[in-house]
């Protein structure tokens, strides 16, 4: 009963916010599927390139399309706060080591037909709530590594925030002295309707060489200054502390 009441309250709150600021919400939310990712604008060809971004493509141009928060000076308070986040997340995610449980709770794999080694299982409600508030025990996405038997092994999670979030707002969620949030910027995708097999993915997409609107226009592509919101990965079971918040 308590869960149902909480869900009703959340739905009511979101409905009010949507009614009051639909335009602003739409700008921030644009398809908050997969970690604040703007999936409503992502077509099949872009999804294919996202698969390349996740480990199958040439990564030499990735730096052209990634922006990171600056790493702030370390301090004991931030280290302690991050340690609590990791410990709490370990407990919160323990049940999701069985990916069937995650699916039953509404986490859905993003384009599982594309065989990227790590698959994001996203719960849209968590992404929606992350626009307004931060619950460290409810990440937007779970990160699963494919296993040889066709299943999935839980290795981490992903928190998100809206595109317009400031560094200080991100720091309130996960300290910037411990982790670097990132976002995807300056992307050029082929014109809609382009056959993905004929597109030159050395130029287009998350690993493409094109990183300016002028070059994208010249190539007949569609330029997006930023897709998705801010995101940060956490691997709570890593034994190497430097890999727990690896991006």
Protein backbone atom coordinates (compact mmCIF):
# COMPACT_ATOMS: atom_id res chain seq x y z
CA UNK A 1 0.00 0.00 0.00
CA UNK A 2 2.81 2.41 0.86
CA UNK A 3 4.40 1.82 -2.52
CA UNK A 4 1.15 2.53 -4.31
CA UNK A 5 0.61 5.73 -2.38
CA UNK A 6 4.15 6.86 -3.17
CA UNK A 7 3.65 6.13 -6.85
CA UNK A 8 0.40 8.09 -6.90
CA UNK A 9 2.08 11.06 -5.25
CA UNK A 10 4.92 10.97 -7.73
CA UNK A 11 2.54 10.76 -10.68
CA UNK A 12 0.51 13.66 -9.31
CA UNK A 13 3.62 15.79 -8.82
CA UNK A 14 4.84 15.09 -12.34
CA UNK A 15 1.45 15.83 -13.83
CA UNK A 16 1.37 19.24 -12.16
CA UNK A 17 4.88 20.04 -13.31
CA UNK A 18 4.09 18.99 -16.83
CA UNK A 19 1.00 21.16 -16.91
CA UNK A 20 2.84 24.21 -15.56
CA UNK A 21 5.97 23.94 -17.69
CA UNK A 22 5.32 21.67 -20.64
CA UNK A 23 7.66 23.54 -22.96
CA UNK A 24 10.59 23.51 -20.56
CA UNK A 25 9.94 19.89 -19.70
CA UNK A 26 9.91 18.90 -23.36
CA UNK A 27 13.21 20.65 -23.96
CA UNK A 28 14.91 18.85 -21.10
CA UNK A 29 13.18 15.52 -21.51
CA UNK A 30 13.13 14.91 -25.27
CA UNK A 31 12.87 11.16 -25.08
CA UNK A 32 14.31 10.49 -21.63
CA UNK A 33 14.86 6.89 -22.61
CA UNK A 34 18.25 5.57 -21.59
CA UNK A 35 19.91 7.81 -19.10
CA UNK A 36 18.46 11.07 -20.20
CA UNK A 37 19.33 10.06 -23.72
CA UNK A 38 17.31 11.77 -26.40
CA UNK A 39 15.94 8.58 -27.92
CA UNK A 40 12.89 10.25 -29.43
CA UNK A 41 15.20 11.76 -32.05
CA UNK A 42 17.41 8.73 -32.45
CA UNK A 43 16.60 6.78 -35.59
CA UNK A 44 17.76 3.29 -36.47
CA UNK A 45 20.94 4.55 -38.10
CA UNK A 46 21.83 6.63 -35.06
CA UNK A 47 21.10 3.68 -32.84
CA UNK A 48 23.45 1.61 -34.95
CA UNK A 49 26.15 4.20 -34.50
CA UNK A 50 25.49 4.28 -30.79
CA UNK A 51 26.30 0.58 -30.87
CA UNK A 52 29.64 1.51 -32.43
CA UNK A 53 30.15 4.08 -29.70
CA UNK A 54 29.66 1.35 -27.11
CA UNK A 55 32.64 -0.59 -28.31
CA UNK A 56 32.53 -1.72 -31.92
CA UNK A 57 33.76 1.29 -33.85
CA UNK A 58 36.89 3.32 -34.33
CA UNK A 59 37.22 5.36 -31.15
CA UNK A 60 39.86 7.85 -32.32
CA UNK A 61 37.33 10.65 -32.86
CA UNK A 62 35.36 10.14 -29.66
CA UNK A 63 37.05 13.06 -27.95
CA UNK A 64 35.52 15.38 -30.56
CA UNK A 65 32.06 14.49 -29.30
CA UNK A 66 32.51 14.19 -25.54
CA UNK A 67 32.50 16.95 -22.94
CA UNK A 68 33.38 16.33 -19.31
CA UNK A 69 33.04 18.21 -16.08
CA UNK A 70 36.32 19.39 -14.61
CA UNK A 71 37.71 17.28 -11.81
CA UNK A 72 37.57 19.30 -8.63
CA UNK A 73 40.18 19.09 -5.82
CA UNK A 74 39.67 16.04 -3.66
CA UNK A 75 38.53 16.24 -0.07
CA UNK A 76 37.56 13.81 2.66
CA UNK A 77 33.93 14.88 2.73
CA UNK A 78 33.45 14.11 -0.96
CA UNK A 79 35.24 10.77 -0.64
CA UNK A 80 32.98 9.82 2.26
CA UNK A 81 29.86 10.89 0.38
CA UNK A 82 30.88 8.91 -2.71
CA UNK A 83 31.66 5.85 -0.59
CA UNK A 84 28.15 5.95 0.87
CA UNK A 85 26.69 6.20 -2.63
CA UNK A 86 28.62 3.13 -3.73
CA UNK A 87 27.74 1.06 -0.66
CA UNK A 88 24.05 1.97 -0.85
CA UNK A 89 24.01 1.23 -4.57
CA UNK A 90 25.52 -2.21 -4.02
CA UNK A 91 22.63 -3.06 -1.72
CA UNK A 92 19.97 -1.47 -3.95
CA UNK A 93 21.18 -3.29 -7.07
CA UNK A 94 21.87 -6.70 -5.51
CA UNK A 95 18.52 -8.09 -6.66
CA UNK A 96 19.20 -6.98 -10.22
CA UNK A 97 22.13 -9.34 -10.60
CA UNK A 98 19.35 -11.49 -12.02
CA UNK A 99 18.49 -9.45 -15.11
CA UNK A 100 15.06 -11.07 -15.24
CA UNK A 101 14.23 -9.24 -12.00
CA UNK A 102 15.36 -5.98 -13.58
CA UNK A 103 13.13 -6.56 -16.59
CA UNK A 104 10.20 -7.36 -14.31
CA UNK A 105 10.79 -4.04 -12.55
CA UNK A 106 10.65 -2.12 -15.82
CA UNK A 107 14.29 -1.95 -16.91
CA UNK A 108 14.36 -2.56 -20.65
CA UNK A 109 17.49 -3.19 -22.76
CA UNK A 110 18.29 -0.51 -25.32
CA UNK A 111 18.40 -2.07 -28.79
CA UNK A 112 19.51 -5.57 -27.68
CA UNK A 113 19.62 -6.60 -31.34
CA UNK A 114 22.84 -4.58 -31.64
CA UNK A 115 25.56 -6.72 -30.11
CA UNK A 116 27.43 -4.16 -28.05
CA UNK A 117 29.39 -5.78 -25.19
CA UNK A 118 27.69 -3.65 -22.54
CA UNK A 119 23.93 -3.14 -22.68
CA UNK A 120 22.04 -0.35 -20.94
CA UNK A 121 18.83 -1.55 -19.30
CA UNK A 122 16.80 1.62 -18.74
CA UNK A 123 13.79 2.31 -16.57
CA UNK A 124 12.04 5.32 -18.07
CA UNK A 125 10.32 6.29 -14.81
CA UNK A 126 13.72 6.60 -13.13
CA UNK A 127 14.93 8.81 -15.96
CA UNK A 128 11.82 10.92 -15.63
CA UNK A 129 12.28 11.38 -11.90
CA UNK A 130 15.97 12.17 -12.37
CA UNK A 131 14.96 15.37 -14.17
CA UNK A 132 13.50 16.69 -10.92
CA UNK A 133 15.27 14.91 -8.08
CA UNK A 134 18.10 12.51 -7.29
CA UNK A 135 17.61 9.14 -5.67
CA UNK A 136 20.97 7.34 -5.62
CA UNK A 137 19.21 4.02 -5.21
CA UNK A 138 17.27 4.49 -8.44
CA UNK A 139 19.73 4.93 -11.32
CA UNK A 140 18.26 5.59 -14.74
CA UNK A 141 20.09 2.65 -16.31
CA UNK A 142 21.69 -0.60 -15.26
CA UNK A 143 24.83 -1.70 -17.10
CA UNK A 144 24.98 -5.34 -18.09
CA UNK A 145 27.87 -7.16 -19.72
CA UNK A 146 26.92 -9.90 -22.15
CA UNK A 147 27.88 -13.42 -21.07
CA UNK A 148 28.87 -16.36 -23.24
CA UNK A 149 25.66 -18.24 -22.41
CA UNK A 150 23.49 -15.48 -23.86
CA UNK A 151 22.68 -13.85 -20.54
CA UNK A 152 23.82 -10.69 -18.79
CA UNK A 153 26.10 -9.90 -15.86
CA UNK A 154 25.38 -6.74 -13.88
CA UNK A 155 28.50 -4.57 -13.69
CA UNK A 156 27.26 -1.07 -12.95
CA UNK A 157 24.71 1.68 -13.28
CA UNK A 158 24.25 5.10 -14.80
CA UNK A 159 22.90 8.26 -13.21
CA UNK A 160 21.56 11.09 -15.34
CA UNK A 161 20.60 14.72 -15.14
CA UNK A 162 19.00 17.15 -17.58
CA UNK A 163 20.94 18.96 -20.29
CA UNK A 164 20.78 22.31 -18.51
CA UNK A 165 22.16 21.07 -15.18
CA UNK A 166 25.02 23.19 -13.82
CA UNK A 167 28.27 21.82 -12.43
CA UNK A 168 27.12 22.65 -8.92
CA UNK A 169 23.87 20.77 -9.46
CA UNK A 170 25.75 17.75 -10.78
CA UNK A 171 28.11 17.98 -7.82
CA UNK A 172 25.15 17.77 -5.45
CA UNK A 173 24.32 14.37 -6.94
CA UNK A 174 27.80 12.88 -7.36
CA UNK A 175 30.85 14.87 -6.19
CA UNK A 176 32.89 16.28 -9.04
CA UNK A 177 36.11 15.64 -7.15
CA UNK A 178 35.42 11.90 -7.45
CA UNK A 179 33.61 11.50 -10.78
CA UNK A 180 33.47 13.33 -14.09
CA UNK A 181 30.01 13.62 -15.61
CA UNK A 182 29.94 13.60 -19.41
CA UNK A 183 27.70 14.53 -22.31
CA UNK A 184 27.65 13.91 -26.07
CA UNK A 185 28.17 17.02 -28.22
CA UNK A 186 28.76 18.24 -31.79
CA UNK A 187 27.26 15.27 -33.59
CA UNK A 188 26.51 14.92 -37.28
CA UNK A 189 24.14 12.21 -38.48
CA UNK A 190 23.28 11.25 -42.07
CA UNK A 191 20.15 12.71 -43.61
CA UNK A 192 16.98 10.91 -42.62
CA UNK A 193 16.22 8.01 -44.92
CA UNK A 194 19.89 7.29 -45.60
CA UNK A 195 20.71 3.60 -45.90
CA UNK A 196 22.82 2.92 -42.80
CA UNK A 197 24.95 0.46 -44.75
CA UNK A 198 25.91 3.12 -47.28
CA UNK A 199 26.59 5.90 -44.76
CA UNK A 200 30.21 6.83 -44.11
CA UNK A 201 30.46 6.19 -40.38
CA UNK A 202 34.04 7.43 -40.34
CA UNK A 203 32.50 10.90 -40.75
CA UNK A 204 29.10 10.58 -39.05
CA UNK A 205 27.96 9.72 -35.55
CA UNK A 206 29.50 9.40 -32.12
CA UNK A 207 32.93 8.45 -33.48
CA UNK A 208 32.79 10.45 -36.71
CA UNK A 209 35.35 12.98 -37.86
CA UNK A 210 32.71 15.70 -38.42
CA UNK A 211 32.32 17.90 -35.37
CA UNK A 212 31.07 21.26 -36.69
CA UNK A 213 27.79 22.41 -38.18
CA UNK A 214 29.56 23.80 -41.23
CA UNK A 215 31.19 20.47 -42.03
CA UNK A 216 27.96 18.62 -41.30
CA UNK A 217 25.96 20.88 -43.63
CA UNK A 218 28.57 20.38 -46.33
CA UNK A 219 28.21 16.61 -45.96
CA UNK A 220 24.41 16.84 -46.16
CA UNK A 221 23.97 15.67 -42.59
CA UNK A 222 21.93 16.68 -39.56
CA UNK A 223 23.91 18.51 -36.88
CA UNK A 224 23.00 18.19 -33.21
CA UNK A 225 24.93 20.40 -30.75
CA UNK A 226 24.08 17.96 -27.96
CA UNK A 227 22.14 14.74 -27.61
CA UNK A 228 21.13 13.22 -24.30
CA UNK A 229 21.57 14.87 -20.93
CA UNK A 230 24.43 14.66 -18.48
CA UNK A 231 25.39 11.16 -17.35
CA UNK A 232 27.87 9.39 -15.12
CA UNK A 233 28.71 5.69 -14.85
CA UNK A 234 29.42 3.90 -11.59
CA UNK A 235 30.79 0.37 -11.18
CA UNK A 236 30.12 -0.34 -7.50
CA UNK A 237 31.73 -3.79 -7.41
CA UNK A 238 35.07 -2.74 -8.85
CA UNK A 239 37.93 -3.49 -6.46
CA UNK A 240 40.14 -0.78 -7.97
CA UNK A 241 38.86 2.53 -6.55
CA UNK A 242 39.92 4.38 -9.69
CA UNK A 243 37.58 2.24 -11.79
CA UNK A 244 34.47 2.68 -9.63
CA UNK A 245 33.63 6.02 -11.26
CA UNK A 246 35.39 5.39 -14.57
CA UNK A 247 33.75 7.10 -17.54
